Protein backbone atom coordinates (compact mmCIF):
# COMPACT_ATOMS: atom_id res chain seq x y z
CA UNK A 1 0.12 -0.06 0.34
CA UNK A 2 2.00 3.20 -1.02
CA UNK A 3 1.51 6.41 1.19
CA UNK A 4 3.15 9.75 1.51
CA UNK A 5 3.36 11.89 4.17
CA UNK A 6 2.07 15.67 3.54
CA UNK A 7 1.50 18.53 5.46
CA UNK A 8 -1.79 20.03 6.18
CA UNK A 9 -2.09 23.98 5.16
CA UNK A 10 -3.27 26.36 8.00
CA UNK A 11 -5.34 28.46 6.54
CA UNK A 12 -6.62 31.67 8.72
CA UNK A 13 -10.66 32.43 7.87
CA UNK A 14 -11.22 35.78 8.13
CA UNK A 15 -14.70 36.45 8.26
CA UNK A 16 -16.06 38.86 5.75
CA UNK A 17 -17.39 42.18 7.99
CA UNK A 18 -21.59 42.29 8.50
CA UNK A 19 -23.57 45.49 8.82
CA UNK A 20 -25.81 45.46 12.35
CA UNK A 21 -28.27 47.97 13.59
CA UNK A 22 -27.98 50.34 16.66
CA UNK A 23 -31.08 50.20 18.98
CA UNK A 24 -31.88 52.24 22.14
CA UNK A 25 -33.19 50.96 25.35
CA UNK A 26 -35.28 53.64 26.79
CA UNK A 27 -37.28 53.77 30.07
CA UNK A 28 -37.21 54.68 33.95
CA UNK A 29 -33.28 56.34 35.30
CA UNK A 30 -34.24 54.24 38.22
CA UNK A 31 -34.96 51.21 36.10
CA UNK A 32 -32.95 47.37 37.96
CA UNK A 33 -32.78 44.80 36.08
CA UNK A 34 -34.99 42.70 37.57
CA UNK A 35 -37.48 45.56 36.60
CA UNK A 36 -36.77 44.93 32.26
CA UNK A 37 -37.75 42.77 29.91
CA UNK A 38 -36.49 43.08 26.18
CA UNK A 39 -38.43 40.66 23.15
CA UNK A 40 -36.68 40.93 19.94
CA UNK A 41 -39.12 39.82 17.11
CA UNK A 42 -38.51 39.81 12.83
CA UNK A 43 -40.69 40.35 10.19
CA UNK A 44 -39.39 40.18 6.56
CA UNK A 45 -35.93 42.14 6.51
CA UNK A 46 -37.26 44.21 9.63
CA UNK A 47 -36.46 43.45 13.21
CA UNK A 48 -38.55 45.59 15.97
CA UNK A 49 -36.72 45.63 19.34
CA UNK A 50 -39.14 46.17 22.75
CA UNK A 51 -38.19 46.62 25.88
CA UNK A 52 -40.81 46.72 27.97
CA UNK A 53 -40.38 47.53 32.21
CA UNK A 54 -42.51 46.42 35.42
CA UNK A 55 -44.14 49.43 37.68
CA UNK A 56 -43.40 52.28 35.07
CA UNK A 57 -45.37 54.70 36.11
CA UNK A 58 -45.10 56.39 32.78
CA UNK A 59 -42.29 59.64 33.72
CA UNK A 60 -39.77 60.45 31.11
CA UNK A 61 -38.17 57.90 29.66
CA UNK A 62 -34.07 58.03 29.57
CA UNK A 63 -31.20 56.00 27.29
CA UNK A 64 -30.69 52.79 29.58
CA UNK A 65 -27.82 51.56 26.84
CA UNK A 66 -28.08 50.12 23.64
C-alpha cells in the first residue's frame, strides 16, 4: 500500500464584516435589571426591539443602553 506524508496547510479564514443595527433602549432612570423585559422579533426584513418595564409609572424615559 503506497503512502506519503503531506504537510497540512493551515489557513486562517477571516470572516467578512457584517453591518449591524444599533437599537437605543429607553426606560425609567431608576430601572433595575430585574424590572426589564427585552423582546426581539423579526418579520421579513424588519427587526423590532421592545423594552417593557414593570412598575413603570409612565414618567420620563432615559437612555439605558444600546
